[in-house]
Amino acid sequence: MKESAAKKRELKTMLQLGTKVVIVADQYEQNLPIGEHGYIIAYDRNADNVFDYVLRVPSANRNFLIPDEDVELEEVLIQDEVDRIEREALIDFALATHNEELFKRIMNGGNETEPEQDNTAKEPLSPADFIRQVNLKAWI
């Protein structure tokens, strides 16, 4: 297990000094201000230490030693939120327009797993049956 963590650490690049990051976790229970912005002010180069960065959080007026897994770039978090909102909007649109193909494509992540022969063998669903199935799955 330690080897995989070391490999992950090698694959992930170090953040640049002065990079604005957001604290997303507190895995070592240090009472970090989760959700707050901070700036990378130093690297912790001690090989015996689990912490990667020294982070300055202006709202707390403190510096924190923090591992790489507890911070994320602000741009990455914003892009993840945009992707989530876009996906939800497409699902709402597919349900409102009774577009079964779009709904299935979104729910399967854009990959169609069923071959075309299977679709022709099944009876096509009426829009009312499709909405009933979606509501049933949402209820479960």
Protein backbone atom coordinates (compact mmCIF):
# COMPACT_ATOMS: atom_id res chain seq x y z
CA MET A 1 0.00 0.00 0.00
CA LYS A 2 2.85 2.39 0.73
CA GLU A 3 4.28 1.72 -2.72
CA SER A 4 1.07 2.77 -4.47
CA ALA A 5 0.95 5.98 -2.44
CA ALA A 6 4.55 6.70 -3.39
CA LYS A 7 3.77 6.08 -7.07
CA LYS A 8 0.77 8.41 -6.89
CA ARG A 9 2.95 11.06 -5.34
CA GLU A 10 5.51 10.69 -8.14
CA LEU A 11 2.85 10.94 -10.85
CA LYS A 12 1.19 14.04 -9.43
CA THR A 13 3.14 17.21 -9.98
CA MET A 14 3.87 19.61 -7.20
CA LEU A 15 1.83 22.80 -7.15
CA GLN A 16 3.71 26.03 -7.79
CA LEU A 17 4.48 28.45 -4.99
CA GLY A 18 1.80 31.13 -4.72
CA THR A 19 -0.89 28.92 -6.27
CA LYS A 20 -4.38 29.63 -5.01
CA VAL A 21 -5.99 26.41 -3.74
CA VAL A 22 -9.10 25.38 -1.85
CA ILE A 23 -9.01 23.08 1.18
CA VAL A 24 -11.26 20.13 0.32
CA ALA A 25 -10.52 17.65 3.12
CA ASP A 26 -8.98 17.27 6.56
CA GLN A 27 -7.69 13.70 6.57
CA TYR A 28 -5.45 14.17 9.60
CA GLU A 29 -8.10 16.07 11.61
CA GLN A 30 -6.13 19.26 12.10
CA ASN A 31 -9.24 21.45 12.22
CA LEU A 32 -8.50 22.83 8.78
CA PRO A 33 -10.97 25.42 7.48
CA ILE A 34 -12.54 23.24 4.73
CA GLY A 35 -13.81 25.26 1.80
CA GLU A 36 -11.49 28.20 2.46
CA HIS A 37 -8.97 29.56 -0.03
CA GLY A 38 -5.29 29.42 0.70
CA TYR A 39 -1.95 29.98 -0.99
CA ILE A 40 1.00 27.59 -1.24
CA ILE A 41 3.87 29.42 0.47
CA ALA A 42 6.40 26.59 0.88
CA TYR A 43 7.13 22.94 0.24
CA ASP A 44 7.74 20.58 3.13
CA ARG A 45 10.78 18.63 1.95
CA ASN A 46 11.15 16.51 5.10
CA ALA A 47 11.05 12.88 3.91
CA ASP A 48 9.77 11.67 7.29
CA ASN A 49 6.73 13.95 7.14
CA VAL A 50 3.38 13.20 5.46
CA PHE A 51 2.75 16.86 4.68
CA ASP A 52 3.60 18.28 1.27
CA TYR A 53 2.92 21.99 1.56
CA VAL A 54 2.81 24.92 3.92
CA LEU A 55 -0.45 26.67 3.18
CA ARG A 56 -1.32 30.26 4.15
CA VAL A 57 -5.03 30.78 4.80
CA PRO A 58 -5.69 34.54 4.99
CA SER A 59 -9.19 34.22 6.47
CA ALA A 60 -7.82 32.20 9.40
CA ASN A 61 -4.64 34.30 9.56
CA ARG A 62 -2.64 31.07 9.97
CA ASN A 63 -0.25 28.76 8.18
CA PHE A 64 -1.06 25.05 7.96
CA LEU A 65 1.03 22.01 7.07
CA ILE A 66 -1.13 20.13 4.61
CA PRO A 67 -0.90 16.97 2.47
CA ASP A 68 -1.43 17.12 -1.28
CA GLU A 69 -4.73 15.18 -1.07
CA ASP A 70 -6.37 17.83 1.13
CA VAL A 71 -6.12 20.66 -1.42
CA GLU A 72 -7.39 21.16 -4.95
CA LEU A 73 -6.88 23.91 -7.48
CA GLU A 74 -9.75 26.37 -7.63
CA GLU A 75 -10.00 25.98 -11.42
CA VAL A 76 -10.47 22.20 -11.11
CA LEU A 77 -13.27 22.61 -8.58
CA ILE A 78 -15.02 25.19 -10.76
CA GLN A 79 -14.76 22.92 -13.82
CA ASP A 80 -16.17 19.96 -11.86
CA GLU A 81 -19.13 22.08 -10.75
CA VAL A 82 -19.73 23.29 -14.33
CA ASP A 83 -19.69 19.69 -15.59
CA ARG A 84 -22.16 18.62 -12.89
CA ILE A 85 -24.55 21.49 -13.64
CA GLU A 86 -24.34 20.83 -17.38
CA ARG A 87 -25.13 17.14 -16.88
CA GLU A 88 -28.10 17.95 -14.64
CA ALA A 89 -29.43 20.46 -17.18
CA LEU A 90 -29.16 17.90 -19.99
CA ILE A 91 -31.01 15.32 -17.87
CA ASP A 92 -33.77 17.85 -17.16
CA PHE A 93 -33.99 18.70 -20.86
CA ALA A 94 -34.15 15.01 -21.86
CA LEU A 95 -36.94 14.39 -19.36
CA ALA A 96 -38.87 17.51 -20.36
CA THR A 97 -38.71 16.67 -24.08
CA HIS A 98 -39.18 12.90 -23.52
CA ASN A 99 -35.91 12.28 -25.39
CA GLU A 100 -35.09 8.73 -24.35
CA GLU A 101 -31.91 8.41 -26.43
CA LEU A 102 -30.37 11.55 -24.93
CA PHE A 103 -31.36 10.45 -21.43
CA LYS A 104 -29.74 7.02 -21.84
CA ARG A 105 -26.61 8.51 -23.37
CA ILE A 106 -26.22 10.96 -20.45
CA MET A 107 -26.89 8.31 -17.81
CA ASN A 108 -24.40 5.90 -19.42
CA GLY A 109 -21.70 8.56 -19.53
CA GLY A 110 -21.81 8.97 -23.31
CA ASN A 111 -20.93 5.32 -23.93
CA GLU A 112 -23.57 3.16 -25.51
CA THR A 113 -23.18 -0.29 -23.99
CA GLU A 114 -26.13 -1.99 -25.68
CA PRO A 115 -25.69 -3.22 -29.25
CA GLU A 116 -28.18 -2.05 -31.87
CA GLN A 117 -29.62 -5.58 -32.41
CA ASP A 118 -30.92 -5.68 -28.84
CA ASN A 119 -32.75 -2.38 -29.30
CA THR A 120 -34.65 -3.66 -32.33
CA ALA A 121 -35.70 -6.86 -30.55
CA LYS A 122 -37.39 -4.94 -27.71
CA GLU A 123 -40.66 -3.15 -28.11
CA PRO A 124 -40.26 0.62 -28.19
CA LEU A 125 -41.57 2.35 -25.10
CA SER A 126 -44.24 4.97 -25.29
CA PRO A 127 -43.28 8.34 -23.80
CA ALA A 128 -45.62 7.73 -20.85
CA ASP A 129 -44.00 4.34 -20.13
CA PHE A 130 -40.55 5.91 -20.36
CA ILE A 131 -41.47 8.62 -17.83
CA ARG A 132 -43.00 5.95 -15.56
CA GLN A 133 -39.74 3.93 -15.67
CA VAL A 134 -37.62 7.01 -14.94
CA ASN A 135 -39.82 7.97 -12.00
CA LEU A 136 -39.71 4.41 -10.69
CA LYS A 137 -35.90 4.31 -10.85
CA ALA A 138 -35.69 7.74 -9.23
CA TRP A 139 -37.97 6.56 -6.43
CA ILE A 140 -35.79 3.53 -5.71
